[in-house]
């Protein structure tokens, strides 16, 4: 699924809006911003709404206010808005969800719509049941004219805004332990929407009880017109064998994109990811460091991922390749602080869960989408396993994934009109994480970007680790602390020289042994 379109101009604004010949892209940082734009577009829908999701809870709400205000109501519950569109606009609504035996919200959502008296002809919910493969792509397509490439499932635990306050009662603890969440989505218009519509149609057909041979042939003919990898804007999709009719079995398109861009990296690679367990990707990063003595790699990761084995796998990769101590690699975590509402002078601190899947290389290439840097997103879950048994049992297990790639080319041959949206994305993310103004993040310093990141992380550790009472209005600049492979959040803080003290610094997410080593939060997701 590839399309190309040359960007002719970019509007470098706070809203991250990019006008393009054939494409228009808005970067949406964190889900309050995403939901606000999504609801605005849904309310203007006239003909059709197509949704692809990992999970969709009927009570998922887009809150009317920010972290300290607003409450869910019918007009901001996504499912309720869809009912209104079906009844009052006659919009054709199709919802495609993962429906494997360990994660299936399709049944409950069908039941919800049925209880509200909505016939299936108005809102059809279809489940993709291909266990052990998952439907992991997250899309909303409206009237065949605009698309949202979403970061998060429609589940309330994933709601947050840019304030990322350490605790919010509207953010349930069942999936992520109540941690604030950072994510990135994209709002698209133009040529990329056609590719996403075609992708949705292919997976929708694959989820049908009996696939239409004519439909599959049509999808294959349409998809075969896509071009090879080149500069421009393109949709990159992967799926289990047999779902994308134009794709040969075993194709790993996003993995190929990543290996190619890592190999060409000259200045810096920025990785902001939920997981980093892919042995193939880590090996490629190490090779790039050896080939180019000027290359810096900046990585932002979760210290306590939400899947059972991933913390150990991730740390094993970081240790095996000495990435935590490499002079040209910086690995960081994100944290949130705020005044305790009940205890004066006490600051609360919490891990900020990273759910985004973002990679930026040399300000010339960027990817945003659903693919994690793990085997199951990149084409082969078995590749993450150290044992021959694991590699054999899980060989070829892969998710349905979709990503947006912007490729400006390299060096003197790069297209400056394509680099603008890439720089805009990086600057918005770094301003949030570093707490620095945009002007400080436009031109790379002589000593590189990594020194700035390390300085900010160390300064935050000093502020929080000082025995003096913490100024709750400025406990941290940005969100950065150094990454620690230790198991428990309190130990991770201790590695940075930060001691918890109920009289000055209180930890919100403080799991015990079972929470760390069994990661039970994801168990709710599988029933």
Protein backbone atom coordinates (compact mmCIF):
# COMPACT_ATOMS: atom_id res chain seq x y z
CA UNK A 1 0.00 0.00 0.00
CA UNK A 2 2.12 2.88 -1.17
CA UNK A 3 1.28 6.26 -2.58
CA UNK A 4 3.49 9.21 -3.37
CA UNK A 5 2.80 12.89 -3.41
CA UNK A 6 5.21 15.79 -3.30
CA UNK A 7 4.58 18.29 -0.57
CA UNK A 8 4.62 21.81 -1.97
CA UNK A 9 4.33 23.87 1.17
CA UNK A 10 4.24 23.43 4.90
CA UNK A 11 2.57 25.63 7.46
CA UNK A 12 4.83 25.64 10.49
CA UNK A 13 2.26 26.44 13.15
CA UNK A 14 1.38 25.23 16.60
CA UNK A 15 -1.27 23.05 15.03
CA UNK A 16 1.39 21.23 12.98
CA UNK A 17 -0.66 21.65 9.81
CA UNK A 18 1.00 20.65 6.55
CA UNK A 19 -0.49 21.48 3.15
CA UNK A 20 0.58 19.10 0.40
CA UNK A 21 0.02 18.37 -3.26
CA UNK A 22 -2.22 15.36 -2.79
CA UNK A 23 -1.94 15.30 1.01
CA UNK A 24 -2.69 17.48 4.00
CA UNK A 25 -1.32 16.34 7.36
CA UNK A 26 -2.03 17.51 10.91
CA UNK A 27 0.04 16.05 13.72
CA UNK A 28 -2.08 15.45 16.81
CA UNK A 29 -0.15 15.14 20.05
CA UNK A 30 -1.90 13.29 22.90
CA UNK A 31 -5.45 12.03 22.80
CA UNK A 32 -7.33 15.09 24.04
CA UNK A 33 -6.16 16.92 20.91
CA UNK A 34 -6.84 13.86 18.76
CA UNK A 35 -10.37 13.34 20.08
CA UNK A 36 -11.24 17.02 19.73
CA UNK A 37 -10.34 16.97 16.04
CA UNK A 38 -11.93 13.56 15.52
CA UNK A 39 -15.27 14.61 17.02
CA UNK A 40 -15.29 17.75 14.90
CA UNK A 41 -14.84 15.67 11.75
CA UNK A 42 -17.33 12.99 12.78
CA UNK A 43 -20.01 15.61 13.39
CA UNK A 44 -19.57 16.77 9.81
CA UNK A 45 -19.83 13.25 8.33
CA UNK A 46 -22.52 12.85 5.69
CA UNK A 47 -22.10 9.51 3.94
CA UNK A 48 -19.77 7.05 5.62
CA UNK A 49 -17.59 6.31 8.62
CA UNK A 50 -15.10 3.43 8.63
CA UNK A 51 -13.34 2.50 11.87
CA UNK A 52 -10.57 -0.05 12.37
CA UNK A 53 -9.46 -0.61 15.95
CA UNK A 54 -7.71 -2.98 18.29
CA UNK A 55 -10.44 -2.37 20.88
CA UNK A 56 -13.54 -0.18 21.18
CA UNK A 57 -15.33 0.17 24.52
CA UNK A 58 -18.85 1.57 24.27
CA UNK A 59 -18.19 3.98 27.14
CA UNK A 60 -15.04 5.47 25.60
CA UNK A 61 -15.41 9.23 26.02
CA UNK A 62 -13.71 12.27 24.59
CA UNK A 63 -13.74 14.67 27.50
CA UNK A 64 -15.03 18.19 27.06
CA UNK A 65 -12.29 19.79 29.15
CA UNK A 66 -8.66 19.29 30.03
CA UNK A 67 -7.10 17.37 32.88
CA UNK A 68 -8.79 19.39 35.61
CA UNK A 69 -12.25 19.87 34.09
CA UNK A 70 -14.88 18.23 31.96
CA UNK A 71 -16.85 15.02 32.25
CA UNK A 72 -18.14 12.40 29.83
CA UNK A 73 -21.58 12.91 28.34
CA UNK A 74 -23.57 11.54 25.42
CA UNK A 75 -22.30 14.16 23.02
CA UNK A 76 -18.67 13.19 23.59
CA UNK A 77 -19.05 9.41 23.89
CA UNK A 78 -17.78 8.14 20.56
CA UNK A 79 -20.30 5.27 20.32
CA UNK A 80 -23.20 7.63 21.07
CA UNK A 81 -22.05 10.01 18.36
CA UNK A 82 -21.99 7.14 15.86
CA UNK A 83 -25.57 6.24 16.79
CA UNK A 84 -26.61 9.83 16.13
CA UNK A 85 -24.88 9.81 12.73
CA UNK A 86 -26.58 6.56 11.74
CA UNK A 87 -30.06 7.64 12.85
CA UNK A 88 -30.13 11.26 11.85
CA UNK A 89 -27.72 11.44 8.91
CA UNK A 90 -28.13 7.98 7.43
CA UNK A 91 -24.35 7.56 7.39
CA UNK A 92 -23.13 4.06 6.60
CA UNK A 93 -20.94 3.01 9.52
CA UNK A 94 -18.59 0.03 9.51
CA UNK A 95 -16.49 -0.90 12.52
CA UNK A 96 -13.70 -3.48 12.21
CA UNK A 97 -12.23 -4.80 15.46
CA UNK A 98 -9.77 -7.39 16.62
CA UNK A 99 -11.80 -10.45 17.60
CA UNK A 100 -9.33 -13.08 18.72
CA UNK A 101 -10.19 -15.16 21.75
CA UNK A 102 -7.83 -13.16 23.96
CA UNK A 103 -9.04 -9.73 22.90
CA UNK A 104 -12.54 -9.22 21.54
CA UNK A 105 -14.55 -6.07 22.19
CA UNK A 106 -16.67 -6.68 19.08
CA UNK A 107 -19.21 -8.80 20.98
CA UNK A 108 -19.83 -6.18 23.65
CA UNK A 109 -20.04 -3.38 21.10
CA UNK A 110 -22.60 -5.26 18.99
CA UNK A 111 -24.62 -5.89 22.13
CA UNK A 112 -24.47 -2.19 23.05
CA UNK A 113 -25.76 -1.07 19.66
CA UNK A 114 -28.47 -3.75 19.67
CA UNK A 115 -29.66 -2.66 23.13
CA UNK A 116 -29.86 0.92 21.81
CA UNK A 117 -32.09 -0.31 18.99
CA UNK A 118 -29.60 0.27 16.19
CA UNK A 119 -29.96 -2.30 13.38
CA UNK A 120 -26.86 -3.90 11.91
CA UNK A 121 -27.69 -2.30 8.56
CA UNK A 122 -26.94 1.09 10.12
CA UNK A 123 -23.85 0.19 12.17
CA UNK A 124 -22.12 -3.04 11.21
CA UNK A 125 -19.47 -4.37 13.59
CA UNK A 126 -17.18 -6.99 12.14
CA UNK A 127 -14.40 -8.84 13.95
CA UNK A 128 -11.11 -10.07 12.51
CA UNK A 129 -10.40 -13.42 14.13
CA UNK A 130 -6.96 -14.63 13.05
CA UNK A 131 -5.37 -15.70 16.33
CA UNK A 132 -2.46 -15.48 17.08
CA UNK A 133 -2.43 -12.51 14.67
CA UNK A 134 -4.02 -9.26 15.90
CA UNK A 135 -5.83 -6.37 14.26
CA UNK A 136 -3.54 -3.65 15.60
CA UNK A 137 -4.05 -0.86 13.04
CA UNK A 138 -6.17 2.05 14.25
CA UNK A 139 -8.03 4.16 11.67
CA UNK A 140 -11.06 6.34 11.22
CA UNK A 141 -12.11 7.16 7.63
CA UNK A 142 -14.82 9.76 7.00
CA UNK A 143 -16.75 10.28 3.74
CA UNK A 144 -13.76 9.01 1.75
CA UNK A 145 -12.23 12.49 2.12
CA UNK A 146 -10.31 12.44 5.40
CA UNK A 147 -8.64 9.92 7.67
CA UNK A 148 -7.30 9.68 11.19
CA UNK A 149 -4.30 7.46 11.75
CA UNK A 150 -4.78 6.89 15.48
CA UNK A 151 -2.30 5.98 18.15
CA UNK A 152 -4.63 4.55 20.80
CA UNK A 153 -7.57 2.16 21.03
CA UNK A 154 -10.97 3.56 21.98
CA UNK A 155 -10.53 2.73 25.67
CA UNK A 156 -10.78 5.28 28.48
CA UNK A 157 -7.49 4.28 30.11
CA UNK A 158 -5.68 5.82 27.13
CA UNK A 159 -7.18 9.30 27.47
CA UNK A 160 -4.88 12.16 28.44
CA UNK A 161 -3.96 15.69 27.42
CA UNK A 162 -0.70 17.59 27.27
CA UNK A 163 -0.76 18.40 30.99
CA UNK A 164 -0.22 14.71 31.86
CA UNK A 165 -1.14 15.19 35.49
CA UNK A 166 0.08 12.23 37.58
CA UNK A 167 -3.41 11.10 38.59
CA UNK A 168 -6.78 11.66 36.93
CA UNK A 169 -9.88 9.87 38.20
CA UNK A 170 -11.30 9.78 34.67
CA UNK A 171 -8.39 7.59 33.55
CA UNK A 172 -9.15 4.06 34.83
CA UNK A 173 -6.31 1.96 36.18
CA UNK A 174 -7.36 -1.30 34.57
CA UNK A 175 -5.04 -1.28 31.52
CA UNK A 176 -2.05 0.90 32.40
CA UNK A 177 -2.26 1.26 36.16
CA UNK A 178 -3.74 4.76 35.86
CA UNK A 179 -0.53 6.20 34.43
CA UNK A 180 -0.78 9.34 32.28
CA UNK A 181 -0.26 8.57 28.60
CA UNK A 182 1.60 10.14 25.68
CA UNK A 183 0.56 9.32 22.12
CA UNK A 184 0.74 10.68 18.56
CA UNK A 185 -1.87 10.54 15.79
CA UNK A 186 -2.24 12.10 12.34
CA UNK A 187 -5.20 13.71 10.54
CA UNK A 188 -4.95 13.23 6.79
CA UNK A 189 -6.64 14.48 3.64
CA UNK A 190 -5.77 13.62 0.07
CA UNK A 191 -3.99 10.78 -1.73
CA UNK A 192 -3.07 8.89 1.44
CA UNK A 193 -6.77 8.60 2.30
CA UNK A 194 -7.37 6.54 -0.84
CA UNK A 195 -4.68 4.08 0.20
CA UNK A 196 -6.16 3.82 3.68
CA UNK A 197 -9.64 3.24 2.24
CA UNK A 198 -8.24 0.43 0.11
CA UNK A 199 -6.46 -1.06 3.11
CA UNK A 200 -9.64 -0.95 5.19
CA UNK A 201 -11.64 -2.59 2.39
CA UNK A 202 -9.13 -5.43 2.11
CA UNK A 203 -9.13 -6.20 5.82
CA UNK A 204 -12.93 -5.75 6.00
CA UNK A 205 -13.32 -8.32 3.23
CA UNK A 206 -10.91 -10.67 5.00
CA UNK A 207 -13.04 -10.48 8.14
CA UNK A 208 -16.23 -11.43 6.29
CA UNK A 209 -17.67 -14.93 6.80
CA UNK A 210 -17.24 -15.52 3.05
CA UNK A 211 -14.86 -13.30 1.11
CA UNK A 212 -15.91 -11.93 -2.27
CA UNK A 213 -13.57 -13.08 -5.03
CA UNK A 214 -14.53 -10.07 -7.17
CA UNK A 215 -13.84 -7.69 -4.30
CA UNK A 216 -10.48 -9.27 -3.58
CA UNK A 217 -9.47 -9.10 -7.24
CA UNK A 218 -10.46 -5.43 -7.39
CA UNK A 219 -8.40 -4.63 -4.31
CA UNK A 220 -5.41 -6.44 -5.79
CA UNK A 221 -5.69 -4.50 -9.06
CA UNK A 222 -5.96 -1.17 -7.22
CA UNK A 223 -3.09 -1.94 -4.85
CA UNK A 224 -0.77 -3.16 -7.60
CA UNK A 225 -0.63 0.35 -9.04
CA UNK A 226 1.30 1.56 -5.97
CA UNK A 227 4.86 2.61 -6.62
CA UNK A 228 8.15 1.42 -5.17
CA UNK A 229 9.83 3.18 -2.25
CA UNK A 230 10.71 6.75 -3.19
CA UNK A 231 10.57 10.25 -1.76
CA UNK A 232 7.18 11.59 -0.79
CA UNK A 233 4.34 10.62 1.51
CA UNK A 234 3.30 6.98 1.64
CA UNK A 235 1.14 4.56 3.57
CA UNK A 236 3.02 1.47 4.72
CA UNK A 237 0.91 -1.50 5.79
CA UNK A 238 1.60 -5.06 6.90
CA UNK A 239 -0.78 -7.92 7.59
CA UNK A 240 -0.91 -11.69 8.08
CA UNK A 241 -0.74 -13.77 4.94
CA UNK A 242 -3.83 -13.67 2.76
CA UNK A 243 -5.32 -10.39 4.02
CA UNK A 244 -3.77 -7.91 1.57
CA UNK A 245 -4.40 -9.48 -1.84
CA UNK A 246 -1.57 -7.65 -3.64
CA UNK A 247 1.02 -8.60 -1.05
CA UNK A 248 3.11 -11.79 -1.36
CA UNK A 249 2.99 -13.96 1.74
CA UNK A 250 5.75 -13.16 4.21
CA UNK A 251 6.20 -9.54 3.13
CA UNK A 252 7.57 -7.28 5.89
CA UNK A 253 7.15 -3.79 4.44
CA UNK A 254 7.67 -1.63 7.54
CA UNK A 255 10.72 -3.63 8.57
CA UNK A 256 12.22 -2.98 5.14
CA UNK A 257 11.50 0.74 5.48
CA UNK A 258 13.18 0.88 8.87
CA UNK A 259 16.27 -1.09 7.91
CA UNK A 260 16.76 1.09 4.83
CA UNK A 261 16.50 4.39 6.70
CA UNK A 262 18.67 3.25 9.62
CA UNK A 263 21.36 2.24 7.13
CA UNK A 264 21.36 5.71 5.55
CA UNK A 265 21.29 7.69 8.84
CA UNK A 266 24.07 10.27 9.11
CA UNK A 267 23.34 12.69 11.96
CA UNK A 268 20.70 11.37 14.38
CA UNK A 269 18.00 8.77 14.89
CA UNK A 270 15.14 9.65 17.23
CA UNK A 271 13.00 6.77 18.53
CA UNK A 272 9.89 7.28 20.65
CA UNK A 273 8.30 3.87 21.15
CA UNK A 274 6.11 1.76 23.38
CA UNK A 275 8.55 -1.16 23.07
CA UNK A 276 12.02 -1.89 21.72
CA UNK A 277 12.33 -5.67 21.64
CA UNK A 278 13.12 -6.31 17.96
CA UNK A 279 16.50 -7.98 17.73
CA UNK A 280 16.73 -7.08 14.05
CA UNK A 281 16.16 -3.36 14.67
CA UNK A 282 18.57 -3.18 17.61
CA UNK A 283 21.27 -4.94 15.55
CA UNK A 284 20.69 -2.44 12.72
CA UNK A 285 21.06 0.49 15.14
CA UNK A 286 24.34 -0.93 16.46
CA UNK A 287 25.65 -1.43 12.92
CA UNK A 288 24.75 2.18 12.10
CA UNK A 289 26.71 3.42 15.12
CA UNK A 290 29.80 1.50 14.01
CA UNK A 291 29.55 2.72 10.42
CA UNK A 292 29.13 6.40 11.28
CA UNK A 293 31.18 7.89 14.08
CA UNK A 294 29.08 11.08 14.04
CA UNK A 295 25.69 9.37 14.47
CA UNK A 296 23.67 9.97 17.66
CA UNK A 297 20.69 7.88 18.74
CA UNK A 298 18.05 9.24 21.15
CA UNK A 299 15.53 6.70 22.47
CA UNK A 300 12.45 7.31 24.65
CA UNK A 301 10.98 4.12 26.14
CA UNK A 302 8.72 2.71 28.83
CA UNK A 303 10.55 1.22 31.78
CA UNK A 304 7.50 -0.88 32.72
CA UNK A 305 5.77 -1.99 29.48
CA UNK A 306 2.27 -3.42 29.64
CA UNK A 307 3.15 -6.87 28.27
CA UNK A 308 4.58 -9.59 30.47
CA UNK A 309 7.85 -10.50 28.77
CA UNK A 310 8.67 -7.20 27.12
CA UNK A 311 10.47 -5.47 29.98
CA UNK A 312 12.97 -8.32 30.20
CA UNK A 313 13.41 -8.60 26.44
CA UNK A 314 13.90 -4.86 26.03
CA UNK A 315 16.46 -4.61 28.81
CA UNK A 316 18.30 -7.67 27.52
CA UNK A 317 18.73 -5.96 24.14
CA UNK A 318 19.89 -2.70 25.71
CA UNK A 319 22.40 -4.52 27.92
CA UNK A 320 23.66 -6.98 25.30
CA UNK A 321 24.57 -4.17 22.93
CA UNK A 322 25.71 -1.77 25.73
CA UNK A 323 23.31 0.89 24.52
CA UNK A 324 22.73 2.22 28.05
CA UNK A 325 26.39 3.19 28.33
CA UNK A 326 27.25 4.01 24.73
CA UNK A 327 28.62 7.58 24.46
CA UNK A 328 26.49 8.33 21.39
CA UNK A 329 23.26 6.75 22.61
CA UNK A 330 20.85 8.26 25.11
CA UNK A 331 17.95 6.24 26.51
CA UNK A 332 15.33 8.18 28.46
CA UNK A 333 12.01 7.74 30.23
CA UNK A 334 9.15 10.19 30.70
CA UNK A 335 7.69 11.15 34.08
CA UNK A 336 4.97 13.50 35.26
CA UNK A 337 4.86 15.60 38.42
CA UNK A 338 2.18 17.73 40.08
CA UNK A 339 1.06 19.14 43.39
CA UNK A 340 -0.74 16.68 45.65
CA UNK A 341 -4.35 17.89 45.97
CA UNK A 342 -4.72 16.78 49.60
CA UNK A 343 -1.26 17.29 51.12
CA UNK A 344 0.26 20.75 50.91
CA UNK A 345 3.90 20.80 49.92
CA UNK A 346 3.87 17.25 48.58
CA UNK A 347 4.62 16.55 44.92
CA UNK A 348 3.17 13.50 43.21
CA UNK A 349 5.22 11.73 40.55
CA UNK A 350 4.18 9.07 38.06
CA UNK A 351 5.57 7.28 35.04
CA UNK A 352 4.28 8.78 31.81
CA UNK A 353 3.33 5.80 29.65
CA UNK A 354 4.64 6.10 26.09
CA UNK A 355 2.17 4.70 23.58
CA UNK A 356 3.45 6.57 20.51
CA UNK A 357 5.25 4.89 17.61
CA UNK A 358 7.45 7.62 16.15
CA UNK A 359 10.82 7.52 14.41
CA UNK A 360 12.63 10.55 12.93
CA UNK A 361 15.93 10.26 11.06
CA UNK A 362 18.10 13.27 10.16
CA UNK A 363 14.99 15.46 9.83
CA UNK A 364 14.64 13.80 6.40
CA UNK A 365 12.47 10.77 7.21
CA UNK A 366 9.70 10.18 9.73
CA UNK A 367 7.16 7.47 10.52
CA UNK A 368 4.03 7.61 12.68
CA UNK A 369 1.53 4.80 13.04
CA UNK A 370 0.71 1.56 14.79
CA UNK A 371 3.89 -0.50 14.40
CA UNK A 372 5.87 -1.09 17.55
CA UNK A 373 9.53 -1.99 17.35
CA UNK A 374 8.77 -5.60 18.14
CA UNK A 375 8.57 -8.73 16.05
CA UNK A 376 4.80 -9.04 15.96
CA UNK A 377 4.45 -5.54 14.47
CA UNK A 378 7.34 -5.92 12.04
CA UNK A 379 6.42 -9.28 10.58
CA UNK A 380 7.71 -12.10 12.77
CA UNK A 381 7.00 -12.42 16.49
CA UNK A 382 9.32 -15.41 16.65
CA UNK A 383 12.29 -13.17 15.86
CA UNK A 384 12.01 -11.62 19.34
CA UNK A 385 12.68 -14.92 21.09
CA UNK A 386 16.16 -16.01 22.15
CA UNK A 387 15.24 -19.70 22.22
CA UNK A 388 14.96 -21.89 19.15
CA UNK A 389 11.62 -23.18 20.47
CA UNK A 390 10.16 -19.67 20.74
CA UNK A 391 11.43 -18.71 17.31
CA UNK A 392 9.87 -21.83 15.84
CA UNK A 393 6.50 -21.66 17.61
CA UNK A 394 5.90 -17.98 16.86
CA UNK A 395 7.53 -17.76 13.44
CA UNK A 396 5.44 -15.65 11.06
CA UNK A 397 3.03 -14.33 13.70
CA UNK A 398 2.27 -10.73 12.77
CA UNK A 399 -0.34 -8.03 13.26
CA UNK A 400 -2.32 -5.89 10.86
CA UNK A 401 -0.40 -2.60 11.03
CA UNK A 402 -0.46 0.75 9.23
CA UNK A 403 1.97 3.66 9.26
CA UNK A 404 2.48 6.99 7.54
CA UNK A 405 5.99 7.57 6.21
CA UNK A 406 7.35 10.92 5.00
CA UNK A 407 10.59 10.53 3.06
CA UNK A 408 12.38 13.67 1.90
CA UNK A 409 15.41 11.93 0.45
CA UNK A 410 18.97 12.37 1.71
CA UNK A 411 21.54 15.12 2.03
CA UNK A 412 21.79 17.64 -0.77
CA UNK A 413 19.15 15.68 -2.69
CA UNK A 414 16.53 16.03 0.06
CA UNK A 415 13.36 17.98 -0.62
CA UNK A 416 13.14 20.91 1.80
CA UNK A 417 9.38 21.04 1.33
CA UNK A 418 9.18 17.48 2.63
CA UNK A 419 11.53 18.07 5.55
CA UNK A 420 9.27 20.80 6.98
CA UNK A 421 6.55 18.45 8.30
CA UNK A 422 9.23 16.15 9.71
CA UNK A 423 10.91 18.99 11.59
CA UNK A 424 7.51 20.22 12.79
CA UNK A 425 6.73 16.81 14.27
CA UNK A 426 10.11 16.52 15.97
CA UNK A 427 9.96 20.04 17.39
CA UNK A 428 6.49 19.55 18.87
CA UNK A 429 7.52 16.32 20.58
CA UNK A 430 10.83 17.64 21.85
CA UNK A 431 9.25 20.81 23.22
CA UNK A 432 6.92 18.67 25.31
CA UNK A 433 9.64 16.28 26.49
CA UNK A 434 12.43 18.82 27.02
CA UNK A 435 10.34 21.80 28.08
CA UNK A 436 12.33 24.03 25.72
CA UNK A 437 10.98 26.68 23.30
CA UNK A 438 10.82 25.91 19.58
CA UNK A 439 13.67 28.29 18.67
CA UNK A 440 16.07 26.21 20.76
CA UNK A 441 15.24 23.01 18.83
CA UNK A 442 15.49 24.17 15.22
CA UNK A 443 19.25 24.20 14.59
CA UNK A 444 21.38 21.31 15.81
CA UNK A 445 24.16 22.43 18.13
CA UNK A 446 27.78 21.70 17.21
CA UNK A 447 28.02 19.07 19.93
CA UNK A 448 24.80 17.42 18.74
CA UNK A 449 21.33 16.96 20.21
CA UNK A 450 22.18 14.25 22.72
CA UNK A 451 24.05 16.59 25.06
CA UNK A 452 20.89 18.70 25.43
CA UNK A 453 18.79 15.67 26.32
CA UNK A 454 21.29 14.47 28.90
CA UNK A 455 21.52 17.93 30.46
CA UNK A 456 17.73 18.17 30.86
CA UNK A 457 17.43 14.66 32.32
CA UNK A 458 20.24 15.28 34.82
CA UNK A 459 18.83 18.66 35.85
CA UNK A 460 15.43 17.08 36.53
CA UNK A 461 17.05 14.34 38.58
CA UNK A 462 18.88 16.97 40.64
CA UNK A 463 15.69 18.95 41.26
CA UNK A 464 13.72 15.93 42.37
CA UNK A 465 16.61 14.44 44.31
CA UNK A 466 17.36 17.55 46.33
CA UNK A 467 16.53 17.14 50.03
CA UNK A 468 14.86 20.55 49.98
CA UNK A 469 11.10 20.76 49.54
CA UNK A 470 10.18 20.54 45.86
CA UNK A 471 8.64 23.55 44.14
CA UNK A 472 5.52 21.84 42.76
CA UNK A 473 5.13 24.51 40.07
CA UNK A 474 8.51 23.70 38.58
CA UNK A 475 9.50 20.26 39.82
CA UNK A 476 10.64 19.26 36.34
CA UNK A 477 11.49 21.05 33.12
CA UNK A 478 9.86 18.90 30.50
CA UNK A 479 9.38 15.19 31.34
CA UNK A 480 12.80 13.58 31.03
CA UNK A 481 14.67 11.32 33.42
CA UNK A 482 17.39 8.80 32.56
CA UNK A 483 16.16 5.31 31.66
CA UNK A 484 16.75 2.61 34.26
CA UNK A 485 16.51 -1.16 33.69
CA UNK A 486 15.48 -1.69 37.31
CA UNK A 487 12.18 -3.47 37.85
CA UNK A 488 10.25 -1.15 40.17
CA UNK A 489 9.49 2.55 39.68
CA UNK A 490 10.90 3.39 43.11
CA UNK A 491 14.18 1.69 42.14
CA UNK A 492 14.24 3.52 38.81
CA UNK A 493 13.95 6.83 40.63
CA UNK A 494 16.65 5.76 43.06
CA UNK A 495 18.98 5.06 40.11
CA UNK A 496 18.54 8.73 39.17
CA UNK A 497 19.35 9.81 42.74
CA UNK A 498 15.71 10.49 43.68
CA UNK A 499 14.48 9.25 47.05
CA UNK A 500 10.79 8.94 47.78
CA UNK A 501 9.62 10.72 50.92
CA UNK A 502 5.92 10.91 51.87
CA UNK A 503 6.49 14.43 53.19
CA UNK A 504 7.80 15.76 49.86
CA UNK A 505 7.56 13.23 46.98
CA UNK A 506 4.84 10.57 46.57
CA UNK A 507 4.81 7.88 43.88
CA UNK A 508 1.47 7.14 42.17
CA UNK A 509 2.20 3.99 40.15
CA UNK A 510 3.90 1.65 42.58
CA UNK A 511 3.29 -1.96 41.50
CA UNK A 512 4.34 -4.96 43.52
CA UNK A 513 6.09 -8.11 42.31
CA UNK A 514 3.04 -9.46 40.49
CA UNK A 515 2.39 -6.16 38.77
CA UNK A 516 5.98 -5.90 37.52
CA UNK A 517 6.74 -9.48 36.55
CA UNK A 518 3.29 -10.71 35.50
CA UNK A 519 1.98 -7.41 34.05
CA UNK A 520 -1.65 -8.25 34.95
CA UNK A 521 -3.13 -5.07 33.45
CA UNK A 522 -3.18 -6.62 29.99
CA UNK A 523 -5.23 -9.56 31.27
CA UNK A 524 -8.35 -7.37 31.31
CA UNK A 525 -7.68 -6.73 27.64
CA UNK A 526 -7.92 -10.40 26.68
CA UNK A 527 -11.40 -11.18 27.99
